[in-house]
Amino acid sequence: DVPGDRPAVMVGDGLIGFLTQDAMI
């Protein structure tokens, strides 16, 4: 649902600790 043909900036504030390593990668 997100257009992929435009430049993108993404943030994950406090997110990474709650994803498994495999899911994060």
PDB file of all heavy atoms in Angstrom:
ATOM      1  N   ASP A   1       0.805  -1.216   0.000  1.00  0.00           N
ATOM      2  CA  ASP A   1       0.000   0.000   0.000  1.00  0.00           C
ATOM      3  C   ASP A   1       0.843   1.273   0.000  1.00  0.00           C
ATOM      4  O   ASP A   1       0.293   2.378   0.064  1.00  0.00           O
ATOM      5  CB  ASP A   1      -0.921   0.023   1.235  1.00  0.00           C
ATOM      6  CG  ASP A   1      -1.935  -1.112   1.218  1.00  0.00           C
ATOM      7  OD1 ASP A   1      -2.394  -1.469   0.117  1.00  0.00           O
ATOM      8  OD2 ASP A   1      -2.258  -1.640   2.300  1.00  0.00           O
ATOM      9  N   VAL A   2       2.165   1.119  -0.088  1.00  0.00           N
ATOM     10  CA  VAL A   2       3.064   2.273  -0.042  1.00  0.00           C
ATOM     11  C   VAL A   2       3.775   2.407  -1.378  1.00  0.00           C
ATOM     12  O   VAL A   2       4.385   1.446  -1.854  1.00  0.00           O
ATOM     13  CB  VAL A   2       4.102   2.098   1.092  1.00  0.00           C
ATOM     14  CG1 VAL A   2       5.042   3.301   1.149  1.00  0.00           C
ATOM     15  CG2 VAL A   2       3.405   1.896   2.436  1.00  0.00           C
ATOM     16  N   PRO A   3       3.732   3.591  -2.007  1.00  0.00           N
ATOM     17  CA  PRO A   3       4.418   3.754  -3.296  1.00  0.00           C
ATOM     18  C   PRO A   3       5.918   3.547  -3.151  1.00  0.00           C
ATOM     19  O   PRO A   3       6.547   4.109  -2.252  1.00  0.00           O
ATOM     20  CB  PRO A   3       4.084   5.197  -3.699  1.00  0.00           C
ATOM     21  CG  PRO A   3       3.660   5.880  -2.446  1.00  0.00           C
ATOM     22  CD  PRO A   3       3.047   4.828  -1.582  1.00  0.00           C
ATOM     23  N   GLY A   4       6.485   2.722  -4.041  1.00  0.00           N
ATOM     24  CA  GLY A   4       7.904   2.398  -3.949  1.00  0.00           C
ATOM     25  C   GLY A   4       8.772   3.164  -4.916  1.00  0.00           C
ATOM     26  O   GLY A   4       9.995   2.974  -4.931  1.00  0.00           O
ATOM     27  N   ASP A   5       8.184   4.049  -5.726  1.00  0.00           N
ATOM     28  CA  ASP A   5       8.936   4.763  -6.754  1.00  0.00           C
ATOM     29  C   ASP A   5       9.261   6.200  -6.352  1.00  0.00           C
ATOM     30  O   ASP A   5       9.464   7.059  -7.196  1.00  0.00           O
ATOM     31  CB  ASP A   5       8.160   4.750  -8.073  1.00  0.00           C
ATOM     32  CG  ASP A   5       6.775   5.383  -7.961  1.00  0.00           C
ATOM     33  OD1 ASP A   5       6.347   5.684  -6.824  1.00  0.00           O
ATOM     34  OD2 ASP A   5       6.123   5.577  -9.014  1.00  0.00           O
ATOM     35  N   ARG A   6       9.288   6.446  -5.045  1.00  0.00           N
ATOM     36  CA  ARG A   6       9.627   7.769  -4.531  1.00  0.00           C
ATOM     37  C   ARG A   6      10.681   7.622  -3.441  1.00  0.00           C
ATOM     38  O   ARG A   6      10.771   6.572  -2.798  1.00  0.00           O
ATOM     39  CB  ARG A   6       8.369   8.451  -3.972  1.00  0.00           C
ATOM     40  CG  ARG A   6       7.344   8.758  -5.047  1.00  0.00           C
ATOM     41  CD  ARG A   6       5.962   8.989  -4.488  1.00  0.00           C
ATOM     42  NE  ARG A   6       5.897  10.136  -3.573  1.00  0.00           N
ATOM     43  CZ  ARG A   6       4.789  10.509  -2.944  1.00  0.00           C
ATOM     44  NH1 ARG A   6       3.658   9.819  -3.116  1.00  0.00           N
ATOM     45  NH2 ARG A   6       4.794  11.562  -2.156  1.00  0.00           N
ATOM     46  N   PRO A   7      11.518   8.636  -3.237  1.00  0.00           N
ATOM     47  CA  PRO A   7      12.507   8.544  -2.158  1.00  0.00           C
ATOM     48  C   PRO A   7      11.809   8.427  -0.813  1.00  0.00           C
ATOM     49  O   PRO A   7      10.747   9.015  -0.594  1.00  0.00           O
ATOM     50  CB  PRO A   7      13.292   9.858  -2.276  1.00  0.00           C
ATOM     51  CG  PRO A   7      12.405  10.779  -3.051  1.00  0.00           C
ATOM     52  CD  PRO A   7      11.586   9.928  -3.961  1.00  0.00           C
ATOM     53  N   ALA A   8      12.413   7.670   0.089  1.00  0.00           N
ATOM     54  CA  ALA A   8      11.746   7.368   1.360  1.00  0.00           C
ATOM     55  C   ALA A   8      12.678   7.583   2.540  1.00  0.00           C
ATOM     56  O   ALA A   8      13.876   7.291   2.476  1.00  0.00           O
ATOM     57  CB  ALA A   8      11.245   5.929   1.360  1.00  0.00           C
ATOM     58  N   VAL A   9      12.110   8.079   3.623  1.00  0.00           N
ATOM     59  CA  VAL A   9      12.825   8.164   4.891  1.00  0.00           C
ATOM     60  C   VAL A   9      11.981   7.462   5.935  1.00  0.00           C
ATOM     61  O   VAL A   9      10.771   7.672   6.017  1.00  0.00           O
ATOM     62  CB  VAL A   9      13.139   9.621   5.287  1.00  0.00           C
ATOM     63  CG1 VAL A   9      11.884  10.473   5.398  1.00  0.00           C
ATOM     64  CG2 VAL A   9      13.945   9.673   6.594  1.00  0.00           C
ATOM     65  N   MET A  10      12.626   6.603   6.726  1.00  0.00           N
ATOM     66  CA  MET A  10      11.908   5.762   7.686  1.00  0.00           C
ATOM     67  C   MET A  10      12.546   5.886   9.056  1.00  0.00           C
ATOM     68  O   MET A  10      13.774   5.957   9.164  1.00  0.00           O
ATOM     69  CB  MET A  10      11.958   4.300   7.222  1.00  0.00           C
ATOM     70  CG  MET A  10      11.239   4.078   5.896  1.00  0.00           C
ATOM     71  SD  MET A  10      11.918   2.668   4.986  1.00  0.00           S
ATOM     72  CE  MET A  10      13.396   3.404   4.285  1.00  0.00           C
ATOM     73  N   VAL A  11      11.709   5.919  10.075  1.00  0.00           N
ATOM     74  CA  VAL A  11      12.216   5.956  11.442  1.00  0.00           C
ATOM     75  C   VAL A  11      11.552   4.846  12.252  1.00  0.00           C
ATOM     76  O   VAL A  11      10.397   4.488  12.026  1.00  0.00           O
ATOM     77  CB  VAL A  11      11.959   7.323  12.117  1.00  0.00           C
ATOM     78  CG1 VAL A  11      12.774   8.418  11.453  1.00  0.00           C
ATOM     79  CG2 VAL A  11      10.488   7.679  12.114  1.00  0.00           C
ATOM     80  N   GLY A  12      12.318   4.318  13.199  1.00  0.00           N
ATOM     81  CA  GLY A  12      11.808   3.310  14.130  1.00  0.00           C
ATOM     82  C   GLY A  12      12.230   3.709  15.533  1.00  0.00           C
ATOM     83  O   GLY A  12      13.321   3.354  15.981  1.00  0.00           O
ATOM     84  N   ASP A  13      11.409   4.475  16.197  1.00  0.00           N
ATOM     85  CA  ASP A  13      11.739   5.016  17.512  1.00  0.00           C
ATOM     86  C   ASP A  13      11.284   4.035  18.586  1.00  0.00           C
ATOM     87  O   ASP A  13      10.099   3.893  18.855  1.00  0.00           O
ATOM     88  CB  ASP A  13      11.039   6.371  17.693  1.00  0.00           C
ATOM     89  CG  ASP A  13      11.531   7.132  18.911  1.00  0.00           C
ATOM     90  OD1 ASP A  13      12.236   6.527  19.738  1.00  0.00           O
ATOM     91  OD2 ASP A  13      11.219   8.333  19.035  1.00  0.00           O
ATOM     92  N   GLY A  14      12.257   3.339  19.189  1.00  0.00           N
ATOM     93  CA  GLY A  14      11.932   2.356  20.219  1.00  0.00           C
ATOM     94  C   GLY A  14      11.456   1.029  19.678  1.00  0.00           C
ATOM     95  O   GLY A  14      11.007   0.174  20.448  1.00  0.00           O
ATOM     96  N   LEU A  15      11.575   0.822  18.381  1.00  0.00           N
ATOM     97  CA  LEU A  15      11.011  -0.378  17.748  1.00  0.00           C
ATOM     98  C   LEU A  15      11.928  -1.593  17.805  1.00  0.00           C
ATOM     99  O   LEU A  15      11.478  -2.704  18.070  1.00  0.00           O
ATOM    100  CB  LEU A  15      10.683  -0.061  16.285  1.00  0.00           C
ATOM    101  CG  LEU A  15      10.248  -1.239  15.397  1.00  0.00           C
ATOM    102  CD1 LEU A  15       8.887  -1.769  15.824  1.00  0.00           C
ATOM    103  CD2 LEU A  15      10.237  -0.816  13.927  1.00  0.00           C
ATOM    104  N   ILE A  16      13.218  -1.383  17.538  1.00  0.00           N
ATOM    105  CA  ILE A  16      14.121  -2.489  17.235  1.00  0.00           C
ATOM    106  C   ILE A  16      14.220  -3.511  18.366  1.00  0.00           C
ATOM    107  O   ILE A  16      14.309  -4.716  18.123  1.00  0.00           O
ATOM    108  CB  ILE A  16      15.525  -1.941  16.878  1.00  0.00           C
ATOM    109  CG1 ILE A  16      15.428  -0.982  15.687  1.00  0.00           C
ATOM    110  CG2 ILE A  16      16.481  -3.081  16.579  1.00  0.00           C
ATOM    111  CD1 ILE A  16      14.768  -1.574  14.465  1.00  0.00           C
ATOM    112  N   GLY A  17      14.179  -3.049  19.597  1.00  0.00           N
ATOM    113  CA  GLY A  17      14.283  -3.984  20.720  1.00  0.00           C
ATOM    114  C   GLY A  17      13.146  -4.971  20.811  1.00  0.00           C
ATOM    115  O   GLY A  17      13.257  -6.005  21.477  1.00  0.00           O
ATOM    116  N   PHE A  18      12.042  -4.695  20.119  1.00  0.00           N
ATOM    117  CA  PHE A  18      10.854  -5.536  20.195  1.00  0.00           C
ATOM    118  C   PHE A  18      10.647  -6.380  18.926  1.00  0.00           C
ATOM    119  O   PHE A  18       9.572  -6.943  18.731  1.00  0.00           O
ATOM    120  CB  PHE A  18       9.630  -4.666  20.483  1.00  0.00           C
ATOM    121  CG  PHE A  18       9.755  -3.903  21.779  1.00  0.00           C
ATOM    122  CD1 PHE A  18      10.194  -2.595  21.786  1.00  0.00           C
ATOM    123  CD2 PHE A  18       9.496  -4.529  22.984  1.00  0.00           C
ATOM    124  CE1 PHE A  18      10.357  -1.897  22.975  1.00  0.00           C
ATOM    125  CE2 PHE A  18       9.645  -3.843  24.183  1.00  0.00           C
ATOM    126  CZ  PHE A  18      10.079  -2.525  24.184  1.00  0.00           C
ATOM    127  N   LEU A  19      11.683  -6.451  18.096  1.00  0.00           N
ATOM    128  CA  LEU A  19      11.675  -7.335  16.928  1.00  0.00           C
ATOM    129  C   LEU A  19      12.762  -8.388  17.120  1.00  0.00           C
ATOM    130  O   LEU A  19      13.856  -8.071  17.589  1.00  0.00           O
ATOM    131  CB  LEU A  19      11.976  -6.551  15.639  1.00  0.00           C
ATOM    132  CG  LEU A  19      11.050  -5.405  15.258  1.00  0.00           C
ATOM    133  CD1 LEU A  19      11.551  -4.753  13.969  1.00  0.00           C
ATOM    134  CD2 LEU A  19       9.616  -5.899  15.080  1.00  0.00           C
ATOM    135  N   THR A  20      12.485  -9.619  16.745  1.00  0.00           N
ATOM    136  CA  THR A  20      13.563 -10.605  16.749  1.00  0.00           C
ATOM    137  C   THR A  20      14.613 -10.169  15.740  1.00  0.00           C
ATOM    138  O   THR A  20      14.347  -9.383  14.826  1.00  0.00           O
ATOM    139  CB  THR A  20      13.055 -12.001  16.367  1.00  0.00           C
ATOM    140  OG1 THR A  20      12.628 -11.992  14.993  1.00  0.00           O
ATOM    141  CG2 THR A  20      11.898 -12.441  17.269  1.00  0.00           C
ATOM    142  N   GLN A  21      15.817 -10.673  15.903  1.00  0.00           N
ATOM    143  CA  GLN A  21      16.877 -10.293  14.977  1.00  0.00           C
ATOM    144  C   GLN A  21      16.522 -10.672  13.545  1.00  0.00           C
ATOM    145  O   GLN A  21      16.719  -9.886  12.602  1.00  0.00           O
ATOM    146  CB  GLN A  21      18.198 -10.951  15.382  1.00  0.00           C
ATOM    147  CG  GLN A  21      19.366 -10.560  14.492  1.00  0.00           C
ATOM    148  CD  GLN A  21      20.675 -11.061  15.039  1.00  0.00           C
ATOM    149  OE1 GLN A  21      21.169 -10.586  16.067  1.00  0.00           O
ATOM    150  NE2 GLN A  21      21.263 -12.038  14.372  1.00  0.00           N
ATOM    151  N   ASP A  22      15.992 -11.869  13.337  1.00  0.00           N
ATOM    152  CA  ASP A  22      15.620 -12.298  11.986  1.00  0.00           C
ATOM    153  C   ASP A  22      14.538 -11.399  11.393  1.00  0.00           C
ATOM    154  O   ASP A  22      14.595 -11.036  10.208  1.00  0.00           O
ATOM    155  CB  ASP A  22      15.134 -13.747  11.995  1.00  0.00           C
ATOM    156  CG  ASP A  22      16.266 -14.748  12.191  1.00  0.00           C
ATOM    157  OD1 ASP A  22      17.441 -14.351  12.049  1.00  0.00           O
ATOM    158  OD2 ASP A  22      15.974 -15.924  12.497  1.00  0.00           O
ATOM    159  N   ALA A  23      13.546 -11.024  12.222  1.00  0.00           N
ATOM    160  CA  ALA A  23      12.472 -10.153  11.732  1.00  0.00           C
ATOM    161  C   ALA A  23      12.998  -8.766  11.398  1.00  0.00           C
ATOM    162  O   ALA A  23      12.578  -8.135  10.421  1.00  0.00           O
ATOM    163  CB  ALA A  23      11.359 -10.062  12.773  1.00  0.00           C
ATOM    164  N   MET A  24      13.915  -8.258  12.201  1.00  0.00           N
ATOM    165  CA  MET A  24      14.515  -6.948  11.954  1.00  0.00           C
ATOM    166  C   MET A  24      15.282  -6.948  10.632  1.00  0.00           C
ATOM    167  O   MET A  24      15.126  -6.037   9.804  1.00  0.00           O
ATOM    168  CB  MET A  24      15.450  -6.586  13.101  1.00  0.00           C
ATOM    169  CG  MET A  24      16.197  -5.274  12.910  1.00  0.00           C
ATOM    170  SD  MET A  24      17.453  -5.019  14.203  1.00  0.00           S
ATOM    171  CE  MET A  24      18.648  -6.293  13.760  1.00  0.00           C
ATOM    172  N   ILE A  25      16.106  -7.967  10.431  1.00  0.00           N
ATOM    173  CA  ILE A  25      16.894  -8.046   9.197  1.00  0.00           C
ATOM    174  C   ILE A  25      15.981  -8.162   7.981  1.00  0.00           C
ATOM    175  O   ILE A  25      16.192  -7.494   6.957  1.00  0.00           O
ATOM    176  CB  ILE A  25      17.876  -9.230   9.262  1.00  0.00           C
ATOM    177  CG1 ILE A  25      18.916  -8.997  10.363  1.00  0.00           C
ATOM    178  CG2 ILE A  25      18.556  -9.449   7.921  1.00  0.00           C
ATOM    179  CD1 ILE A  25      19.781 -10.204  10.666  1.00  0.00           C
TER     180      ILE A  25
END
